Structure formats: C-alpha cells, structure tokens
Amino acid sequence: MPDQKESGEKLAGRLYATLRVLKFIADPGSGVKPTLRDEFKDKDSPRQRIQALKLDLFENLVTAVQKGRHAKAMAEVFGAMPSVVPLRQGAIEHNLGERELAEFNAGYRDQLGILKEALPKLLD
C-alpha cells in the first residue's frame, strides 16, 4: 500500500495509473494497455488526463461483470482506490510543473508496478 506521506502529485499519478488499469480491465479494446514505460511530458493537469480517459465505468463495469471478465482484477483495482486519492485538490486541478510532473510520473510507475505484480497475466 502506498505511503500516505507522498506528495499530492505522486498520489495523483497513482490515481491515474489505477484508473487507466480499471478502464483497460472494463474495456480492453478501448485503448493502449498501460505500461511501466509510459512517460508523461505535457503540462496539463491530472484532472485533464483523467477526463481524457472518457471513463463510462458504470456501463463498462456492468458489462464486464455480466460477462464474468477479470473479477479478481477489478477487486484488486477497487481495493487500491482509497490509498491513491490525493487529499489536496490542487494536486489534481493544477497544471504540473517540472518537479510536479516528475512526482506524477513516479507515482504512476509505482502504482502500475504494484498492480502489475498483483495482476501479472493481465498487465504483462
């Protein structure tokens, strides 16, 4: 479980990784599989990145559950959610500077590594 003393930007990266994995689980044909090689360079905000995922999780997750897809993976991802949500709103709302973007990328890679370890067949 991530250290709660991490920066808001690092937690925002963890949240984004978790949501990307959730989207991939719910709708594998929706885009590129998240990988540890992903590097984010733009100065947009984590909120914009999350909105760009165009998550319609209710519909996608209901469909995935009805088809019996990846139940263990969904439980793992949902279990991670409470520990990755930044408490500071600015960590998600504001544009990222160089230092903040490095923190975001580190959080993204850390969280994706945790999820990859828990779900090796899905996130090879």
N, C-alpha and C. Protein backbone atom coordinates (compact mmCIF):
# COMPACT_ATOMS: atom_id res chain seq x y z
N MET A 1 0.85 -1.18 0.00
CA MET A 1 0.00 0.00 0.00
C MET A 1 0.90 1.24 0.00
N PRO A 2 0.57 2.25 -0.77
CA PRO A 2 1.40 3.45 -0.86
C PRO A 2 1.50 4.20 0.47
N ASP A 3 2.61 4.88 0.65
CA ASP A 3 2.84 5.70 1.84
C ASP A 3 1.96 6.94 1.77
N GLN A 4 1.16 7.18 2.80
CA GLN A 4 0.24 8.32 2.80
C GLN A 4 0.97 9.66 2.91
N LYS A 5 2.27 9.66 3.11
CA LYS A 5 3.02 10.91 3.19
C LYS A 5 3.56 11.33 1.82
N GLU A 6 3.15 10.65 0.78
CA GLU A 6 3.59 11.01 -0.55
C GLU A 6 2.96 12.35 -0.96
N SER A 7 3.60 13.01 -1.90
CA SER A 7 3.07 14.29 -2.38
C SER A 7 1.73 14.07 -3.08
N GLY A 8 0.94 15.13 -3.13
CA GLY A 8 -0.34 15.06 -3.84
C GLY A 8 -0.15 14.71 -5.30
N GLU A 9 0.92 15.21 -5.91
CA GLU A 9 1.18 14.92 -7.32
C GLU A 9 1.51 13.45 -7.53
N LYS A 10 2.27 12.87 -6.59
CA LYS A 10 2.60 11.45 -6.70
C LYS A 10 1.33 10.61 -6.54
N LEU A 11 0.49 10.99 -5.58
CA LEU A 11 -0.78 10.28 -5.41
C LEU A 11 -1.67 10.45 -6.64
N ALA A 12 -1.63 11.62 -7.26
CA ALA A 12 -2.40 11.84 -8.49
C ALA A 12 -1.91 10.89 -9.58
N GLY A 13 -0.61 10.67 -9.66
CA GLY A 13 -0.07 9.70 -10.62
C GLY A 13 -0.54 8.29 -10.31
N ARG A 14 -0.59 7.94 -9.03
CA ARG A 14 -1.10 6.63 -8.62
C ARG A 14 -2.57 6.48 -9.00
N LEU A 15 -3.34 7.53 -8.75
CA LEU A 15 -4.76 7.51 -9.09
C LEU A 15 -4.95 7.32 -10.59
N TYR A 16 -4.18 8.06 -11.38
CA TYR A 16 -4.29 7.96 -12.83
C TYR A 16 -3.94 6.55 -13.31
N ALA A 17 -2.87 5.96 -12.76
CA ALA A 17 -2.50 4.59 -13.13
C ALA A 17 -3.63 3.62 -12.80
N THR A 18 -4.21 3.79 -11.62
CA THR A 18 -5.29 2.91 -11.18
C THR A 18 -6.50 3.03 -12.10
N LEU A 19 -6.85 4.25 -12.48
CA LEU A 19 -7.99 4.45 -13.37
C LEU A 19 -7.72 3.94 -14.78
N ARG A 20 -6.46 4.07 -15.24
CA ARG A 20 -6.13 3.53 -16.57
C ARG A 20 -6.26 2.02 -16.58
N VAL A 21 -5.80 1.38 -15.50
CA VAL A 21 -5.91 -0.08 -15.41
C VAL A 21 -7.38 -0.47 -15.32
N LEU A 22 -8.15 0.26 -14.55
CA LEU A 22 -9.58 -0.03 -14.43
C LEU A 22 -10.27 0.08 -15.79
N LYS A 23 -9.93 1.11 -16.55
CA LYS A 23 -10.53 1.26 -17.88
C LYS A 23 -10.11 0.09 -18.77
N PHE A 24 -8.86 -0.31 -18.69
CA PHE A 24 -8.37 -1.41 -19.51
C PHE A 24 -9.08 -2.72 -19.14
N ILE A 25 -9.30 -2.93 -17.85
CA ILE A 25 -10.00 -4.13 -17.40
C ILE A 25 -11.44 -4.12 -17.89
N ALA A 26 -12.10 -2.98 -17.74
CA ALA A 26 -13.51 -2.88 -18.09
C ALA A 26 -13.74 -2.94 -19.59
N ASP A 27 -12.81 -2.38 -20.35
CA ASP A 27 -12.98 -2.31 -21.80
C ASP A 27 -11.62 -2.44 -22.48
N PRO A 28 -11.09 -3.67 -22.60
CA PRO A 28 -9.74 -3.87 -23.14
C PRO A 28 -9.53 -3.31 -24.55
N GLY A 29 -10.59 -3.18 -25.32
CA GLY A 29 -10.45 -2.66 -26.68
C GLY A 29 -10.46 -1.15 -26.76
N SER A 30 -10.49 -0.48 -25.59
CA SER A 30 -10.67 0.98 -25.58
C SER A 30 -9.39 1.77 -25.81
N GLY A 31 -8.26 1.13 -25.76
CA GLY A 31 -7.03 1.89 -25.94
C GLY A 31 -5.80 1.07 -25.64
N VAL A 32 -4.70 1.75 -25.47
CA VAL A 32 -3.41 1.12 -25.24
C VAL A 32 -3.31 0.64 -23.79
N LYS A 33 -2.75 -0.55 -23.62
CA LYS A 33 -2.54 -1.10 -22.29
C LYS A 33 -1.52 -0.23 -21.54
N PRO A 34 -1.78 0.13 -20.29
CA PRO A 34 -0.82 0.90 -19.52
C PRO A 34 0.46 0.08 -19.28
N THR A 35 1.61 0.75 -19.40
CA THR A 35 2.89 0.06 -19.16
C THR A 35 3.79 0.91 -18.28
N LEU A 36 4.81 0.27 -17.72
CA LEU A 36 5.78 0.99 -16.88
C LEU A 36 6.64 1.93 -17.72
N ARG A 37 6.63 1.76 -19.03
CA ARG A 37 7.43 2.64 -19.90
C ARG A 37 6.73 3.96 -20.20
N ASP A 38 5.45 4.07 -19.83
CA ASP A 38 4.72 5.32 -20.08
C ASP A 38 5.41 6.48 -19.37
N GLU A 39 5.54 7.58 -20.08
CA GLU A 39 6.14 8.79 -19.52
C GLU A 39 5.28 9.96 -19.96
N PHE A 40 4.88 10.79 -19.03
CA PHE A 40 4.02 11.92 -19.34
C PHE A 40 4.84 13.19 -19.32
N LYS A 41 4.74 13.96 -20.40
CA LYS A 41 5.60 15.13 -20.57
C LYS A 41 4.83 16.42 -20.67
N ASP A 42 3.55 16.35 -20.95
CA ASP A 42 2.75 17.56 -21.11
C ASP A 42 2.59 18.26 -19.77
N LYS A 43 2.20 19.52 -19.82
CA LYS A 43 1.99 20.29 -18.59
C LYS A 43 0.52 20.39 -18.22
N ASP A 44 -0.32 19.51 -18.79
CA ASP A 44 -1.72 19.57 -18.41
C ASP A 44 -1.92 19.02 -17.00
N SER A 45 -3.10 19.17 -16.49
CA SER A 45 -3.35 18.77 -15.11
C SER A 45 -3.76 17.30 -15.04
N PRO A 46 -3.54 16.66 -13.90
CA PRO A 46 -4.03 15.29 -13.74
C PRO A 46 -5.53 15.18 -14.01
N ARG A 47 -6.28 16.21 -13.64
CA ARG A 47 -7.73 16.20 -13.90
C ARG A 47 -8.01 16.06 -15.38
N GLN A 48 -7.25 16.78 -16.22
CA GLN A 48 -7.44 16.68 -17.67
C GLN A 48 -7.09 15.29 -18.18
N ARG A 49 -6.02 14.71 -17.61
CA ARG A 49 -5.64 13.35 -18.01
C ARG A 49 -6.74 12.36 -17.65
N ILE A 50 -7.29 12.49 -16.46
CA ILE A 50 -8.35 11.59 -16.01
C ILE A 50 -9.60 11.77 -16.88
N GLN A 51 -9.95 13.02 -17.16
CA GLN A 51 -11.11 13.27 -18.02
C GLN A 51 -10.90 12.73 -19.43
N ALA A 52 -9.65 12.77 -19.90
CA ALA A 52 -9.35 12.28 -21.25
C ALA A 52 -9.54 10.76 -21.36
N LEU A 53 -9.56 10.06 -20.23
CA LEU A 53 -9.81 8.62 -20.27
C LEU A 53 -11.23 8.32 -20.73
N LYS A 54 -12.12 9.31 -20.63
CA LYS A 54 -13.52 9.16 -21.03
C LYS A 54 -14.11 7.90 -20.41
N LEU A 55 -13.99 7.83 -19.10
CA LEU A 55 -14.47 6.67 -18.36
C LEU A 55 -16.00 6.68 -18.26
N ASP A 56 -16.59 5.64 -18.76
CA ASP A 56 -18.00 5.40 -18.52
C ASP A 56 -18.03 4.09 -17.72
N LEU A 57 -17.47 4.19 -16.53
CA LEU A 57 -17.22 2.99 -15.76
C LEU A 57 -18.46 2.20 -15.42
N PHE A 58 -19.54 2.87 -15.15
CA PHE A 58 -20.74 2.12 -14.79
C PHE A 58 -21.12 1.17 -15.91
N GLU A 59 -21.26 1.69 -17.10
CA GLU A 59 -21.65 0.85 -18.23
C GLU A 59 -20.60 -0.22 -18.51
N ASN A 60 -19.33 0.18 -18.57
CA ASN A 60 -18.26 -0.76 -18.88
C ASN A 60 -18.10 -1.84 -17.81
N LEU A 61 -18.19 -1.44 -16.54
CA LEU A 61 -18.02 -2.41 -15.47
C LEU A 61 -19.20 -3.37 -15.37
N VAL A 62 -20.39 -2.86 -15.57
CA VAL A 62 -21.57 -3.75 -15.56
C VAL A 62 -21.43 -4.79 -16.67
N THR A 63 -21.02 -4.36 -17.84
CA THR A 63 -20.82 -5.29 -18.96
C THR A 63 -19.74 -6.31 -18.63
N ALA A 64 -18.63 -5.84 -18.07
CA ALA A 64 -17.54 -6.76 -17.71
C ALA A 64 -17.99 -7.77 -16.67
N VAL A 65 -18.72 -7.33 -15.67
CA VAL A 65 -19.22 -8.24 -14.63
C VAL A 65 -20.20 -9.25 -15.23
N GLN A 66 -21.09 -8.78 -16.10
CA GLN A 66 -22.06 -9.68 -16.72
C GLN A 66 -21.37 -10.74 -17.56
N LYS A 67 -20.26 -10.38 -18.17
CA LYS A 67 -19.52 -11.34 -18.99
C LYS A 67 -18.53 -12.16 -18.17
N GLY A 68 -18.41 -11.86 -16.86
CA GLY A 68 -17.51 -12.61 -16.00
C GLY A 68 -16.03 -12.33 -16.25
N ARG A 69 -15.72 -11.14 -16.78
CA ARG A 69 -14.33 -10.79 -17.11
C ARG A 69 -13.61 -10.21 -15.91
N HIS A 70 -12.46 -10.73 -15.62
CA HIS A 70 -11.49 -10.11 -14.71
C HIS A 70 -12.04 -9.70 -13.35
N ALA A 71 -12.82 -10.54 -12.72
CA ALA A 71 -13.39 -10.20 -11.41
C ALA A 71 -12.29 -9.95 -10.38
N LYS A 72 -11.24 -10.78 -10.36
CA LYS A 72 -10.15 -10.61 -9.41
C LYS A 72 -9.43 -9.28 -9.66
N ALA A 73 -9.21 -8.97 -10.92
CA ALA A 73 -8.52 -7.74 -11.27
C ALA A 73 -9.32 -6.53 -10.82
N MET A 74 -10.63 -6.55 -11.05
CA MET A 74 -11.46 -5.42 -10.62
C MET A 74 -11.42 -5.25 -9.11
N ALA A 75 -11.46 -6.36 -8.37
CA ALA A 75 -11.40 -6.28 -6.91
C ALA A 75 -10.07 -5.69 -6.46
N GLU A 76 -8.99 -6.05 -7.12
CA GLU A 76 -7.66 -5.52 -6.78
C GLU A 76 -7.59 -4.02 -7.02
N VAL A 77 -8.10 -3.59 -8.16
CA VAL A 77 -8.05 -2.17 -8.51
C VAL A 77 -8.94 -1.35 -7.58
N PHE A 78 -10.15 -1.82 -7.35
CA PHE A 78 -11.04 -1.08 -6.44
C PHE A 78 -10.47 -1.04 -5.03
N GLY A 79 -9.78 -2.09 -4.62
CA GLY A 79 -9.16 -2.11 -3.29
C GLY A 79 -8.07 -1.07 -3.15
N ALA A 80 -7.42 -0.71 -4.25
CA ALA A 80 -6.34 0.28 -4.21
C ALA A 80 -6.84 1.71 -4.14
N MET A 81 -8.07 1.95 -4.54
CA MET A 81 -8.58 3.31 -4.68
C MET A 81 -8.44 4.19 -3.43
N PRO A 82 -8.81 3.75 -2.23
CA PRO A 82 -8.74 4.66 -1.08
C PRO A 82 -7.33 5.18 -0.80
N SER A 83 -6.32 4.40 -1.13
CA SER A 83 -4.96 4.82 -0.80
C SER A 83 -4.31 5.70 -1.86
N VAL A 84 -4.96 5.91 -2.98
CA VAL A 84 -4.32 6.68 -4.06
C VAL A 84 -4.98 8.02 -4.35
N VAL A 85 -6.01 8.35 -3.63
CA VAL A 85 -6.71 9.62 -3.89
C VAL A 85 -6.04 10.74 -3.09
N PRO A 86 -5.50 11.75 -3.77
CA PRO A 86 -4.85 12.86 -3.06
C PRO A 86 -5.85 13.64 -2.21
N LEU A 87 -5.42 14.04 -1.03
CA LEU A 87 -6.29 14.80 -0.15
C LEU A 87 -6.35 16.27 -0.55
N ARG A 88 -5.33 16.75 -1.25
CA ARG A 88 -5.23 18.14 -1.64
C ARG A 88 -5.79 18.31 -3.05
N GLN A 89 -6.85 19.11 -3.21
CA GLN A 89 -7.50 19.27 -4.50
C GLN A 89 -6.53 19.80 -5.56
N GLY A 90 -5.63 20.67 -5.18
CA GLY A 90 -4.70 21.26 -6.14
C GLY A 90 -3.81 20.25 -6.82
N ALA A 91 -3.58 19.11 -6.17
CA ALA A 91 -2.73 18.08 -6.76
C ALA A 91 -3.35 17.52 -8.04
N ILE A 92 -4.63 17.62 -8.16
CA ILE A 92 -5.31 17.12 -9.36
C ILE A 92 -5.69 18.27 -10.29
N GLU A 93 -6.07 19.39 -9.74
CA GLU A 93 -6.60 20.51 -10.53
C GLU A 93 -5.55 21.29 -11.31
N HIS A 94 -4.41 21.56 -10.71
CA HIS A 94 -3.44 22.49 -11.28
C HIS A 94 -2.57 21.86 -12.36
N ASN A 95 -2.08 22.72 -13.25
CA ASN A 95 -1.11 22.26 -14.24
C ASN A 95 0.17 21.85 -13.52
N LEU A 96 0.87 20.90 -14.10
CA LEU A 96 2.07 20.36 -13.47
C LEU A 96 3.32 21.05 -13.99
N GLY A 97 4.15 21.48 -13.07
CA GLY A 97 5.47 21.99 -13.43
C GLY A 97 6.43 20.82 -13.55
N GLU A 98 7.69 21.10 -13.76
CA GLU A 98 8.68 20.04 -13.97
C GLU A 98 8.80 19.10 -12.77
N ARG A 99 8.92 19.66 -11.57
CA ARG A 99 9.05 18.84 -10.36
C ARG A 99 7.78 18.04 -10.11
N GLU A 100 6.64 18.69 -10.26
CA GLU A 100 5.37 18.02 -10.02
C GLU A 100 5.12 16.91 -11.04
N LEU A 101 5.53 17.15 -12.30
CA LEU A 101 5.37 16.14 -13.33
C LEU A 101 6.25 14.92 -13.03
N ALA A 102 7.45 15.17 -12.52
CA ALA A 102 8.32 14.05 -12.12
C ALA A 102 7.67 13.23 -11.01
N GLU A 103 7.03 13.91 -10.06
CA GLU A 103 6.32 13.22 -8.97
C GLU A 103 5.14 12.43 -9.54
N PHE A 104 4.39 13.03 -10.45
CA PHE A 104 3.25 12.36 -11.08
C PHE A 104 3.71 11.09 -11.78
N ASN A 105 4.77 11.20 -12.58
CA ASN A 105 5.31 10.04 -13.30
C ASN A 105 5.78 8.95 -12.33
N ALA A 106 6.44 9.35 -11.25
CA ALA A 106 6.91 8.38 -10.26
C ALA A 106 5.73 7.65 -9.62
N GLY A 107 4.69 8.39 -9.26
CA GLY A 107 3.51 7.77 -8.68
C GLY A 107 2.83 6.83 -9.66
N TYR A 108 2.74 7.25 -10.92
CA TYR A 108 2.14 6.42 -11.96
C TYR A 108 2.89 5.09 -12.07
N ARG A 109 4.22 5.16 -12.19
CA ARG A 109 5.02 3.95 -12.35
C ARG A 109 4.96 3.07 -11.10
N ASP A 110 5.02 3.69 -9.92
CA ASP A 110 4.94 2.91 -8.67
C ASP A 110 3.63 2.14 -8.59
N GLN A 111 2.53 2.84 -8.83
CA GLN A 111 1.21 2.20 -8.72
C GLN A 111 1.02 1.13 -9.78
N LEU A 112 1.46 1.41 -10.99
CA LEU A 112 1.33 0.42 -12.06
C LEU A 112 2.17 -0.81 -11.73
N GLY A 113 3.33 -0.60 -11.12
CA GLY A 113 4.16 -1.73 -10.69
C GLY A 113 3.45 -2.60 -9.66
N ILE A 114 2.78 -1.95 -8.71
CA ILE A 114 2.02 -2.69 -7.69
C ILE A 114 0.90 -3.50 -8.34
N LEU A 115 0.17 -2.86 -9.25
CA LEU A 115 -0.94 -3.55 -9.91
C LEU A 115 -0.43 -4.65 -10.84
N LYS A 116 0.70 -4.41 -11.49
CA LYS A 116 1.28 -5.42 -12.39
C LYS A 116 1.69 -6.65 -11.58
N GLU A 117 2.25 -6.44 -10.41
CA GLU A 117 2.65 -7.55 -9.55
C GLU A 117 1.42 -8.36 -9.11
N ALA A 118 0.33 -7.66 -8.80
CA ALA A 118 -0.90 -8.32 -8.36
C ALA A 118 -1.65 -8.99 -9.51
N LEU A 119 -1.48 -8.46 -10.73
CA LEU A 119 -2.22 -8.95 -11.89
C LEU A 119 -1.28 -9.27 -13.06
N PRO A 120 -0.32 -10.17 -12.87
CA PRO A 120 0.71 -10.38 -13.90
C PRO A 120 0.17 -10.87 -15.25
N LYS A 121 -0.90 -11.65 -15.25
CA LYS A 121 -1.43 -12.15 -16.52
C LYS A 121 -2.12 -11.05 -17.31
N LEU A 122 -2.67 -10.08 -16.63
CA LEU A 122 -3.41 -9.01 -17.30
C LEU A 122 -2.47 -7.89 -17.75
N LEU A 123 -1.49 -7.57 -16.92
CA LEU A 123 -0.59 -6.44 -17.22
C LEU A 123 0.84 -6.94 -17.44
N ASP A 124 1.03 -7.83 -18.38
CA ASP A 124 2.36 -8.38 -18.62
C ASP A 124 3.33 -7.37 -19.16
